[in-house]
C-alpha cells in the first residue's frame, strides 16, 4: 500500500464507524474539492448500496455559481439526497442582521443555519472535509469531535483516539462532527483527485476573471455581492481558487495551472496554506476560526 492507499483506508474506516455508531448522520457537502473527495470515499465505503446519510449544504447565498452548479450535478449523478438550507432564510426567520461593508461575508451566520438544520433533522453526526493542515484551530480537533446540546465546541472535552478507536457516545441533544480526512494535507487531496480522476468545478483551474485588488494585494473576484468604489483597482487576471468559500471573503491566486499536474506543482512550491493565503475571514483575528468553532461553526 502506498500512502494514499493508507489515507483512503483510514477514511473509509471512519465513514463506516459513523454508519455503525450513529442513527442520523449527514455529510456536509459544499461542492468544494474536499467534500467531493469525501463523496468518492463514501462510494468506496458503501457502494453498491446507497449512502447511509444525506448530503447537506448550508448555502450562504454568496457562493460561487460554478460551485453550486457542480454541487447539483454531482448529487444528481450520485443519486443521493441533497438537503439545502439557506442562510438568507435564517436571517429572515430569526431577524438576524445582514452583514454590511464592502465585502459582506455571511460566514459567521452559517452557524445559525447549520444548528437549525441539525435540529430539524435530528442529525447526531455531521461529516465534513476539514483537515488539520488548514488552520491551527483545526489542528486541535479530534476526528470525532463532540459538540454540546448548544452545538458548541470545547477543546478541553476532546476524547483520546488511541489505536484508531473512535468514541461516538453522546447524550441526547449532543452531536459529533466527524473529519475522515483530518490527517490529509492539501497536497494529499490533490494527489487523490488525480489518482481517482475526480471531476471538479472549473473554478479550481486557471481562468480569466475580473478581480478587485485589495490593500493586501490579494485578488477578490468581482461579484454582485461586493461593493466596488471608484477608487478601487479592478483588473483582469489569470487566476484560480485554492478553496471555494463565500465569494465575498475568498481570494483568488494568480496562476496558469490548467491541469491537475500544474496545480500539484503550484502546491509543492506554495509557502502559505490555502486558507492562510485566500480566506479573508480567517485573517480578522488570531482566533477567528476557533471563536467560530466554539459557537457551533463546523
C-alpha atoms as a PDB file:
ATOM      1  CA  UNK A   1       0.000   0.000   0.000  1.00  0.00           C
ATOM      2  CA  UNK A   2       1.255   3.486  -0.779  1.00  0.00           C
ATOM      3  CA  UNK A   3       0.468   6.429   1.471  1.00  0.00           C
ATOM      4  CA  UNK A   4      -2.694   7.361  -0.473  1.00  0.00           C
ATOM      5  CA  UNK A   5      -3.990   3.807  -0.025  1.00  0.00           C
ATOM      6  CA  UNK A   6      -3.401   4.125   3.718  1.00  0.00           C
ATOM      7  CA  UNK A   7      -5.147   7.500   3.935  1.00  0.00           C
ATOM      8  CA  UNK A   8      -8.045   6.151   1.889  1.00  0.00           C
ATOM      9  CA  UNK A   9      -8.365   3.040   4.073  1.00  0.00           C
ATOM     10  CA  UNK A  10      -8.391   5.164   7.241  1.00  0.00           C
ATOM     11  CA  UNK A  11     -11.082   7.479   5.843  1.00  0.00           C
ATOM     12  CA  UNK A  12     -13.253   4.549   4.723  1.00  0.00           C
ATOM     13  CA  UNK A  13     -12.905   3.009   8.180  1.00  0.00           C
ATOM     14  CA  UNK A  14     -14.032   6.301   9.773  1.00  0.00           C
ATOM     15  CA  UNK A  15     -17.044   6.587   7.452  1.00  0.00           C
ATOM     16  CA  UNK A  16     -18.091   3.030   8.312  1.00  0.00           C
ATOM     17  CA  UNK A  17     -17.656   3.798  12.022  1.00  0.00           C
ATOM     18  CA  UNK A  18     -20.051   6.726  11.575  1.00  0.00           C
ATOM     19  CA  UNK A  19     -22.595   4.460   9.874  1.00  0.00           C
ATOM     20  CA  UNK A  20     -22.235   1.910  12.666  1.00  0.00           C
ATOM     21  CA  UNK A  21     -22.296   4.258  15.666  1.00  0.00           C
ATOM     22  CA  UNK A  22     -24.865   6.906  14.748  1.00  0.00           C
ATOM     23  CA  UNK A  23     -28.545   6.811  13.885  1.00  0.00           C
ATOM     24  CA  UNK A  24     -28.895  10.006  11.823  1.00  0.00           C
ATOM     25  CA  UNK A  25     -25.578  11.092  10.290  1.00  0.00           C
ATOM     26  CA  UNK A  26     -25.187  13.639   7.468  1.00  0.00           C
ATOM     27  CA  UNK A  27     -22.364  14.569   5.116  1.00  0.00           C
ATOM     28  CA  UNK A  28     -21.831  18.320   4.870  1.00  0.00           C
ATOM     29  CA  UNK A  29     -21.302  18.922   1.175  1.00  0.00           C
ATOM     30  CA  UNK A  30     -20.334  22.277  -0.335  1.00  0.00           C
ATOM     31  CA  UNK A  31     -19.257  21.256  -3.829  1.00  0.00           C
ATOM     32  CA  UNK A  32     -15.638  22.017  -2.939  1.00  0.00           C
ATOM     33  CA  UNK A  33     -12.731  19.657  -3.555  1.00  0.00           C
ATOM     34  CA  UNK A  34     -12.601  18.214  -0.022  1.00  0.00           C
ATOM     35  CA  UNK A  35     -16.291  17.347   0.144  1.00  0.00           C
ATOM     36  CA  UNK A  36     -16.104  15.976  -3.412  1.00  0.00           C
ATOM     37  CA  UNK A  37     -13.234  13.709  -2.316  1.00  0.00           C
ATOM     38  CA  UNK A  38     -15.423  12.604   0.609  1.00  0.00           C
ATOM     39  CA  UNK A  39     -18.183  11.519  -1.767  1.00  0.00           C
ATOM     40  CA  UNK A  40     -15.699   9.329  -3.641  1.00  0.00           C
ATOM     41  CA  UNK A  41     -14.602   7.814  -0.324  1.00  0.00           C
ATOM     42  CA  UNK A  42     -18.254   7.236   0.607  1.00  0.00           C
ATOM     43  CA  UNK A  43     -18.786   5.451  -2.695  1.00  0.00           C
ATOM     44  CA  UNK A  44     -15.891   3.141  -1.878  1.00  0.00           C
ATOM     45  CA  UNK A  45     -17.204   2.603   1.651  1.00  0.00           C
ATOM     46  CA  UNK A  46     -20.857   1.851   0.829  1.00  0.00           C
ATOM     47  CA  UNK A  47     -21.437   1.035  -2.849  1.00  0.00           C
ATOM     48  CA  UNK A  48     -23.329  -0.733  -4.340  1.00  0.00           C
ATOM     49  CA  UNK A  49     -25.684   0.389  -1.585  1.00  0.00           C
ATOM     50  CA  UNK A  50     -26.924   3.932  -1.002  1.00  0.00           C
ATOM     51  CA  UNK A  51     -25.056   6.277   1.306  1.00  0.00           C
ATOM     52  CA  UNK A  52     -26.331   5.895   4.902  1.00  0.00           C
ATOM     53  CA  UNK A  53     -26.615   9.678   5.121  1.00  0.00           C
ATOM     54  CA  UNK A  54     -27.884  12.603   3.030  1.00  0.00           C
ATOM     55  CA  UNK A  55     -25.693  15.340   1.592  1.00  0.00           C
ATOM     56  CA  UNK A  56     -26.321  18.678   3.349  1.00  0.00           C
ATOM     57  CA  UNK A  57     -25.290  22.104   2.129  1.00  0.00           C
ATOM     58  CA  UNK A  58     -25.596  25.350   4.089  1.00  0.00           C
ATOM     59  CA  UNK A  59     -25.865  27.891   1.256  1.00  0.00           C
ATOM     60  CA  UNK A  60     -24.853  31.415   2.264  1.00  0.00           C
ATOM     61  CA  UNK A  61     -26.196  32.956  -0.930  1.00  0.00           C
ATOM     62  CA  UNK A  62     -22.698  34.288  -1.638  1.00  0.00           C
ATOM     63  CA  UNK A  63     -21.312  31.064  -3.098  1.00  0.00           C
ATOM     64  CA  UNK A  64     -19.641  30.843  -6.499  1.00  0.00           C
ATOM     65  CA  UNK A  65     -22.223  29.834  -9.110  1.00  0.00           C
ATOM     66  CA  UNK A  66     -19.789  27.394 -10.728  1.00  0.00           C
ATOM     67  CA  UNK A  67     -19.615  25.509  -7.432  1.00  0.00           C
ATOM     68  CA  UNK A  68     -23.391  25.455  -6.897  1.00  0.00           C
ATOM     69  CA  UNK A  69     -23.953  24.124 -10.403  1.00  0.00           C
ATOM     70  CA  UNK A  70     -21.366  21.401  -9.826  1.00  0.00           C
ATOM     71  CA  UNK A  71     -22.923  20.554  -6.432  1.00  0.00           C
ATOM     72  CA  UNK A  72     -26.299  19.872  -8.034  1.00  0.00           C
ATOM     73  CA  UNK A  73     -24.783  17.951 -10.929  1.00  0.00           C
ATOM     74  CA  UNK A  74     -22.736  15.672  -8.668  1.00  0.00           C
ATOM     75  CA  UNK A  75     -25.607  14.969  -6.246  1.00  0.00           C
ATOM     76  CA  UNK A  76     -27.817  14.025  -9.205  1.00  0.00           C
ATOM     77  CA  UNK A  77     -25.161  11.757 -10.732  1.00  0.00           C
ATOM     78  CA  UNK A  78     -24.635  10.016  -7.386  1.00  0.00           C
ATOM     79  CA  UNK A  79     -28.372   9.538  -6.959  1.00  0.00           C
ATOM     80  CA  UNK A  80     -28.126  10.692  -3.342  1.00  0.00           C
ATOM     81  CA  UNK A  81     -30.410  13.017  -1.404  1.00  0.00           C
ATOM     82  CA  UNK A  82     -29.234  16.636  -1.237  1.00  0.00           C
ATOM     83  CA  UNK A  83     -30.629  18.895   1.505  1.00  0.00           C
ATOM     84  CA  UNK A  84     -30.017  22.625   1.022  1.00  0.00           C
ATOM     85  CA  UNK A  85     -30.744  25.203   3.693  1.00  0.00           C
ATOM     86  CA  UNK A  86     -30.128  28.895   3.025  1.00  0.00           C
ATOM     87  CA  UNK A  87     -28.619  31.491   5.334  1.00  0.00           C
ATOM     88  CA  UNK A  88     -30.881  34.207   3.905  1.00  0.00           C
ATOM     89  CA  UNK A  89     -33.912  32.242   5.165  1.00  0.00           C
ATOM     90  CA  UNK A  90     -32.319  32.067   8.614  1.00  0.00           C
ATOM     91  CA  UNK A  91     -31.646  35.827   8.557  1.00  0.00           C
ATOM     92  CA  UNK A  92     -35.309  36.471   7.806  1.00  0.00           C
ATOM     93  CA  UNK A  93     -36.779  33.921  10.239  1.00  0.00           C
ATOM     94  CA  UNK A  94     -34.504  34.807  13.157  1.00  0.00           C
ATOM     95  CA  UNK A  95     -34.372  38.547  12.493  1.00  0.00           C
ATOM     96  CA  UNK A  96     -30.585  38.473  12.192  1.00  0.00           C
ATOM     97  CA  UNK A  97     -28.624  41.462  10.990  1.00  0.00           C
ATOM     98  CA  UNK A  98     -27.344  41.186   7.439  1.00  0.00           C
ATOM     99  CA  UNK A  99     -23.569  41.814   7.379  1.00  0.00           C
ATOM    100  CA  UNK A 100     -22.555  45.160   5.935  1.00  0.00           C
ATOM    101  CA  UNK A 101     -19.443  46.724   4.477  1.00  0.00           C
ATOM    102  CA  UNK A 102     -17.791  46.386   1.101  1.00  0.00           C
ATOM    103  CA  UNK A 103     -17.216  42.632   1.436  1.00  0.00           C
ATOM    104  CA  UNK A 104     -20.187  41.392   3.496  1.00  0.00           C
ATOM    105  CA  UNK A 105     -19.379  37.800   4.459  1.00  0.00           C
ATOM    106  CA  UNK A 106     -22.244  35.691   5.748  1.00  0.00           C
ATOM    107  CA  UNK A 107     -19.838  33.055   7.058  1.00  0.00           C
ATOM    108  CA  UNK A 108     -20.448  33.910  10.755  1.00  0.00           C
ATOM    109  CA  UNK A 109     -24.200  33.477  10.169  1.00  0.00           C
ATOM    110  CA  UNK A 110     -23.722  29.982   8.732  1.00  0.00           C
ATOM    111  CA  UNK A 111     -23.572  28.695  12.277  1.00  0.00           C
ATOM    112  CA  UNK A 112     -27.237  29.517  12.916  1.00  0.00           C
ATOM    113  CA  UNK A 113     -28.361  27.740   9.753  1.00  0.00           C
ATOM    114  CA  UNK A 114     -26.178  24.724  10.477  1.00  0.00           C
ATOM    115  CA  UNK A 115     -27.511  24.362  14.020  1.00  0.00           C
ATOM    116  CA  UNK A 116     -31.068  24.778  12.726  1.00  0.00           C
ATOM    117  CA  UNK A 117     -30.685  22.029  10.120  1.00  0.00           C
ATOM    118  CA  UNK A 118     -29.109  19.717  12.715  1.00  0.00           C
ATOM    119  CA  UNK A 119     -32.128  20.300  14.963  1.00  0.00           C
ATOM    120  CA  UNK A 120     -34.624  19.992  12.093  1.00  0.00           C
ATOM    121  CA  UNK A 121     -33.410  16.550  11.026  1.00  0.00           C
ATOM    122  CA  UNK A 122     -32.046  15.481  14.451  1.00  0.00           C
ATOM    123  CA  UNK A 123     -28.624  14.718  12.988  1.00  0.00           C
ATOM    124  CA  UNK A 124     -26.372  13.149  15.604  1.00  0.00           C
ATOM    125  CA  UNK A 125     -23.219  13.254  13.466  1.00  0.00           C
ATOM    126  CA  UNK A 126     -22.097  15.628  10.713  1.00  0.00           C
ATOM    127  CA  UNK A 127     -19.256  14.538   8.442  1.00  0.00           C
ATOM    128  CA  UNK A 128     -17.041  17.246   6.983  1.00  0.00           C
ATOM    129  CA  UNK A 129     -13.911  17.684   4.918  1.00  0.00           C
ATOM    130  CA  UNK A 130     -11.858  19.754   7.372  1.00  0.00           C
ATOM    131  CA  UNK A 131      -8.167  18.936   7.569  1.00  0.00           C
ATOM    132  CA  UNK A 132      -5.623  19.636  10.302  1.00  0.00           C
ATOM    133  CA  UNK A 133      -3.249  21.435   7.951  1.00  0.00           C
ATOM    134  CA  UNK A 134      -5.833  24.084   7.010  1.00  0.00           C
ATOM    135  CA  UNK A 135      -5.719  26.227  10.119  1.00  0.00           C
ATOM    136  CA  UNK A 136      -4.335  25.979  13.655  1.00  0.00           C
ATOM    137  CA  UNK A 137      -7.778  25.666  15.293  1.00  0.00           C
ATOM    138  CA  UNK A 138      -8.479  22.677  13.030  1.00  0.00           C
ATOM    139  CA  UNK A 139      -5.336  21.014  14.333  1.00  0.00           C
ATOM    140  CA  UNK A 140      -6.735  21.000  17.882  1.00  0.00           C
ATOM    141  CA  UNK A 141      -9.672  18.832  16.944  1.00  0.00           C
ATOM    142  CA  UNK A 142     -10.073  15.068  17.089  1.00  0.00           C
ATOM    143  CA  UNK A 143     -11.572  13.036  14.232  1.00  0.00           C
ATOM    144  CA  UNK A 144     -14.727  12.522  16.337  1.00  0.00           C
ATOM    145  CA  UNK A 145     -15.313  15.995  17.804  1.00  0.00           C
ATOM    146  CA  UNK A 146     -18.152  16.206  20.328  1.00  0.00           C
ATOM    147  CA  UNK A 147     -20.432  19.274  20.417  1.00  0.00           C
ATOM    148  CA  UNK A 148     -22.734  20.025  23.346  1.00  0.00           C
ATOM    149  CA  UNK A 149     -26.514  20.482  23.124  1.00  0.00           C
ATOM    150  CA  UNK A 150     -25.934  24.114  22.108  1.00  0.00           C
ATOM    151  CA  UNK A 151     -23.683  22.972  19.233  1.00  0.00           C
ATOM    152  CA  UNK A 152     -20.620  24.447  20.923  1.00  0.00           C
ATOM    153  CA  UNK A 153     -17.098  23.040  20.819  1.00  0.00           C
ATOM    154  CA  UNK A 154     -14.917  22.856  23.909  1.00  0.00           C
ATOM    155  CA  UNK A 155     -11.307  21.872  23.153  1.00  0.00           C
ATOM    156  CA  UNK A 156     -10.959  20.656  26.751  1.00  0.00           C
ATOM    157  CA  UNK A 157     -13.589  17.961  26.104  1.00  0.00           C
ATOM    158  CA  UNK A 158     -11.597  16.261  23.368  1.00  0.00           C
ATOM    159  CA  UNK A 159     -11.532  12.484  23.705  1.00  0.00           C
ATOM    160  CA  UNK A 160      -8.437  10.330  23.229  1.00  0.00           C
ATOM    161  CA  UNK A 161      -8.381   8.365  19.964  1.00  0.00           C
ATOM    162  CA  UNK A 162      -5.851   5.634  20.575  1.00  0.00           C
ATOM    163  CA  UNK A 163      -5.313   2.806  18.073  1.00  0.00           C
ATOM    164  CA  UNK A 164      -7.945   4.257  15.718  1.00  0.00           C
ATOM    165  CA  UNK A 165     -10.724   3.680  18.242  1.00  0.00           C
ATOM    166  CA  UNK A 166     -13.408   6.366  17.945  1.00  0.00           C
ATOM    167  CA  UNK A 167     -15.848   7.036  20.761  1.00  0.00           C
ATOM    168  CA  UNK A 168     -19.189   8.254  19.415  1.00  0.00           C
ATOM    169  CA  UNK A 169     -21.193   8.033  22.651  1.00  0.00           C
ATOM    170  CA  UNK A 170     -23.188  11.203  23.209  1.00  0.00           C
ATOM    171  CA  UNK A 171     -26.016  12.465  25.379  1.00  0.00           C
ATOM    172  CA  UNK A 172     -29.386  13.451  23.952  1.00  0.00           C
ATOM    173  CA  UNK A 173     -29.087  16.777  22.126  1.00  0.00           C
ATOM    174  CA  UNK A 174     -25.334  16.493  21.571  1.00  0.00           C
ATOM    175  CA  UNK A 175     -23.800  15.760  18.187  1.00  0.00           C
ATOM    176  CA  UNK A 176     -20.432  14.817  16.778  1.00  0.00           C
ATOM    177  CA  UNK A 177     -18.553  16.487  13.951  1.00  0.00           C
ATOM    178  CA  UNK A 178     -16.535  13.863  12.086  1.00  0.00           C
ATOM    179  CA  UNK A 179     -13.443  14.569   9.954  1.00  0.00           C
ATOM    180  CA  UNK A 180     -12.437  11.477   7.918  1.00  0.00           C
ATOM    181  CA  UNK A 181      -9.670  13.314   6.028  1.00  0.00           C
ATOM    182  CA  UNK A 182      -8.314  15.142   9.054  1.00  0.00           C
ATOM    183  CA  UNK A 183      -4.898  13.524   8.561  1.00  0.00           C
ATOM    184  CA  UNK A 184      -4.709  14.519   4.883  1.00  0.00           C
ATOM    185  CA  UNK A 185      -2.934  17.575   3.544  1.00  0.00           C
ATOM    186  CA  UNK A 186      -3.981  19.812   0.665  1.00  0.00           C
ATOM    187  CA  UNK A 187      -1.397  18.029  -1.484  1.00  0.00           C
ATOM    188  CA  UNK A 188      -2.780  14.624  -0.474  1.00  0.00           C
ATOM    189  CA  UNK A 189      -6.260  15.687  -1.597  1.00  0.00           C
ATOM    190  CA  UNK A 190      -4.991  16.831  -4.986  1.00  0.00           C
ATOM    191  CA  UNK A 191      -2.921  13.677  -5.473  1.00  0.00           C
ATOM    192  CA  UNK A 192      -6.016  11.613  -4.613  1.00  0.00           C
ATOM    193  CA  UNK A 193      -8.173  13.611  -7.026  1.00  0.00           C
ATOM    194  CA  UNK A 194      -5.595  12.985  -9.740  1.00  0.00           C
ATOM    195  CA  UNK A 195      -5.304   9.273  -8.974  1.00  0.00           C
ATOM    196  CA  UNK A 196      -9.064   8.779  -8.900  1.00  0.00           C
ATOM    197  CA  UNK A 197      -9.685  11.010 -11.929  1.00  0.00           C
ATOM    198  CA  UNK A 198     -12.287  13.015  -9.982  1.00  0.00           C
ATOM    199  CA  UNK A 199     -14.101  15.812 -11.793  1.00  0.00           C
ATOM    200  CA  UNK A 200     -14.053  19.254 -10.145  1.00  0.00           C
ATOM    201  CA  UNK A 201     -15.656  22.669 -10.640  1.00  0.00           C
ATOM    202  CA  UNK A 202     -13.822  24.690 -13.295  1.00  0.00           C
ATOM    203  CA  UNK A 203     -13.082  27.443 -10.752  1.00  0.00           C
ATOM    204  CA  UNK A 204     -10.180  25.376  -9.375  1.00  0.00           C
ATOM    205  CA  UNK A 205      -8.315  25.685 -12.684  1.00  0.00           C
ATOM    206  CA  UNK A 206      -6.723  28.774 -14.228  1.00  0.00           C
ATOM    207  CA  UNK A 207      -9.153  31.117 -15.972  1.00  0.00           C
ATOM    208  CA  UNK A 208      -9.514  34.819 -16.643  1.00  0.00           C
ATOM    209  CA  UNK A 209     -11.562  36.739 -14.086  1.00  0.00           C
ATOM    210  CA  UNK A 210     -12.145  40.352 -13.213  1.00  0.00           C
ATOM    211  CA  UNK A 211     -10.841  40.998  -9.716  1.00  0.00           C
ATOM    212  CA  UNK A 212     -10.623  43.826  -7.212  1.00  0.00           C
ATOM    213  CA  UNK A 213      -7.104  44.381  -5.902  1.00  0.00           C
ATOM    214  CA  UNK A 214      -7.311  44.526  -2.106  1.00  0.00           C
ATOM    215  CA  UNK A 215      -4.961  46.707   0.012  1.00  0.00           C
ATOM    216  CA  UNK A 216      -3.124  43.493   0.917  1.00  0.00           C
ATOM    217  CA  UNK A 217      -2.517  42.807  -2.774  1.00  0.00           C
ATOM    218  CA  UNK A 218      -4.927  39.861  -2.793  1.00  0.00           C
ATOM    219  CA  UNK A 219      -7.362  39.455  -5.681  1.00  0.00           C
ATOM    220  CA  UNK A 220     -11.071  39.262  -4.884  1.00  0.00           C
ATOM    221  CA  UNK A 221     -13.223  38.085  -7.787  1.00  0.00           C
ATOM    222  CA  UNK A 222     -15.902  40.543  -8.858  1.00  0.00           C
ATOM    223  CA  UNK A 223     -19.454  39.555  -7.940  1.00  0.00           C
ATOM    224  CA  UNK A 224     -22.794  41.213  -7.275  1.00  0.00           C
ATOM    225  CA  UNK A 225     -22.207  40.690  -3.542  1.00  0.00           C
ATOM    226  CA  UNK A 226     -19.303  43.130  -3.153  1.00  0.00           C
ATOM    227  CA  UNK A 227     -19.301  46.899  -3.439  1.00  0.00           C
ATOM    228  CA  UNK A 228     -16.874  48.370  -5.947  1.00  0.00           C
ATOM    229  CA  UNK A 229     -15.964  52.031  -5.461  1.00  0.00           C
ATOM    230  CA  UNK A 230     -14.401  54.469  -7.912  1.00  0.00           C
ATOM    231  CA  UNK A 231     -11.116  54.305  -6.038  1.00  0.00           C
ATOM    232  CA  UNK A 232     -10.880  50.506  -6.280  1.00  0.00           C
ATOM    233  CA  UNK A 233      -8.442  48.981  -8.745  1.00  0.00           C
ATOM    234  CA  UNK A 234     -10.196  46.426 -10.964  1.00  0.00           C
ATOM    235  CA  UNK A 235      -8.031  44.150 -13.098  1.00  0.00           C
ATOM    236  CA  UNK A 236      -8.461  41.117 -15.331  1.00  0.00           C
ATOM    237  CA  UNK A 237      -6.066  38.377 -14.320  1.00  0.00           C
ATOM    238  CA  UNK A 238      -5.393  34.707 -14.925  1.00  0.00           C
ATOM    239  CA  UNK A 239      -6.325  33.140 -11.594  1.00  0.00           C
ATOM    240  CA  UNK A 240      -7.626  30.040  -9.885  1.00  0.00           C
ATOM    241  CA  UNK A 241      -9.092  29.316  -6.463  1.00  0.00           C
ATOM    242  CA  UNK A 242      -7.429  27.080  -3.888  1.00  0.00           C
ATOM    243  CA  UNK A 243     -10.562  26.967  -1.730  1.00  0.00           C
ATOM    244  CA  UNK A 244     -14.145  27.926  -2.545  1.00  0.00           C
ATOM    245  CA  UNK A 245     -15.864  29.649   0.359  1.00  0.00           C
ATOM    246  CA  UNK A 246     -18.004  32.770   0.016  1.00  0.00           C
ATOM    247  CA  UNK A 247     -17.146  34.922  -2.985  1.00  0.00           C
ATOM    248  CA  UNK A 248     -17.018  37.897  -0.597  1.00  0.00           C
ATOM    249  CA  UNK A 249     -14.175  36.505   1.514  1.00  0.00           C
ATOM    250  CA  UNK A 250     -12.294  34.054  -0.707  1.00  0.00           C
ATOM    251  CA  UNK A 251      -9.429  35.494  -2.710  1.00  0.00           C
ATOM    252  CA  UNK A 252      -8.141  34.062  -5.965  1.00  0.00           C
ATOM    253  CA  UNK A 253      -4.476  33.318  -6.571  1.00  0.00           C
ATOM    254  CA  UNK A 254      -2.582  34.260  -9.740  1.00  0.00           C
ATOM    255  CA  UNK A 255      -1.943  31.023 -11.594  1.00  0.00           C
ATOM    256  CA  UNK A 256      -1.536  29.448 -15.025  1.00  0.00           C
ATOM    257  CA  UNK A 257      -2.288  25.976 -13.615  1.00  0.00           C
ATOM    258  CA  UNK A 258      -4.741  24.489 -16.099  1.00  0.00           C
ATOM    259  CA  UNK A 259      -4.240  20.802 -15.266  1.00  0.00           C
ATOM    260  CA  UNK A 260      -4.007  18.670 -12.142  1.00  0.00           C
ATOM    261  CA  UNK A 261      -0.265  18.251 -12.710  1.00  0.00           C
ATOM    262  CA  UNK A 262       0.094  22.042 -12.828  1.00  0.00           C
ATOM    263  CA  UNK A 263      -1.905  22.506  -9.622  1.00  0.00           C
ATOM    264  CA  UNK A 264       0.167  19.906  -7.777  1.00  0.00           C
ATOM    265  CA  UNK A 265       3.333  21.727  -8.821  1.00  0.00           C
ATOM    266  CA  UNK A 266       1.801  25.001  -7.577  1.00  0.00           C
ATOM    267  CA  UNK A 267       1.124  23.474  -4.171  1.00  0.00           C
ATOM    268  CA  UNK A 268       4.591  21.950  -3.913  1.00  0.00           C
ATOM    269  CA  UNK A 269       6.146  25.431  -4.018  1.00  0.00           C
ATOM    270  CA  UNK A 270       3.443  27.284  -2.042  1.00  0.00           C
ATOM    271  CA  UNK A 271       4.670  28.818   1.217  1.00  0.00           C
ATOM    272  CA  UNK A 272       1.244  29.631   2.713  1.00  0.00           C
ATOM    273  CA  UNK A 273      -1.685  27.305   3.499  1.00  0.00           C
ATOM    274  CA  UNK A 274      -4.766  27.540   1.307  1.00  0.00           C
ATOM    275  CA  UNK A 275      -6.847  29.291   3.986  1.00  0.00           C
ATOM    276  CA  UNK A 276      -3.965  31.494   5.053  1.00  0.00           C
ATOM    277  CA  UNK A 277      -3.478  32.657   1.506  1.00  0.00           C
ATOM    278  CA  UNK A 278      -7.083  33.163   0.469  1.00  0.00           C
ATOM    279  CA  UNK A 279      -9.660  33.202   3.284  1.00  0.00           C
ATOM    280  CA  UNK A 280     -10.092  36.800   4.405  1.00  0.00           C
ATOM    281  CA  UNK A 281     -12.432  35.930   7.293  1.00  0.00           C
ATOM    282  CA  UNK A 282      -9.687  33.855   8.939  1.00  0.00           C
ATOM    283  CA  UNK A 283      -7.434  36.926   8.979  1.00  0.00           C
ATOM    284  CA  UNK A 284      -9.764  39.137  11.028  1.00  0.00           C
ATOM    285  CA  UNK A 285      -8.196  37.947  14.279  1.00  0.00           C
ATOM    286  CA  UNK A 286      -5.697  35.407  15.594  1.00  0.00           C
ATOM    287  CA  UNK A 287      -8.536  33.281  16.982  1.00  0.00           C
ATOM    288  CA  UNK A 288     -11.153  33.885  14.275  1.00  0.00           C
ATOM    289  CA  UNK A 289     -11.681  30.233  13.334  1.00  0.00           C
ATOM    290  CA  UNK A 290     -11.540  28.974  16.918  1.00  0.00           C
ATOM    291  CA  UNK A 291     -14.088  31.554  18.067  1.00  0.00           C
ATOM    292  CA  UNK A 292     -16.486  30.463  15.317  1.00  0.00           C
ATOM    293  CA  UNK A 293     -15.970  26.801  16.155  1.00  0.00           C
ATOM    294  CA  UNK A 294     -16.710  27.403  19.825  1.00  0.00           C
ATOM    295  CA  UNK A 295     -20.035  28.925  18.773  1.00  0.00           C
ATOM    296  CA  UNK A 296     -21.025  25.972  16.595  1.00  0.00           C
ATOM    297  CA  UNK A 297     -19.278  26.575  13.275  1.00  0.00           C
ATOM    298  CA  UNK A 298     -18.076  23.426  11.561  1.00  0.00           C
END
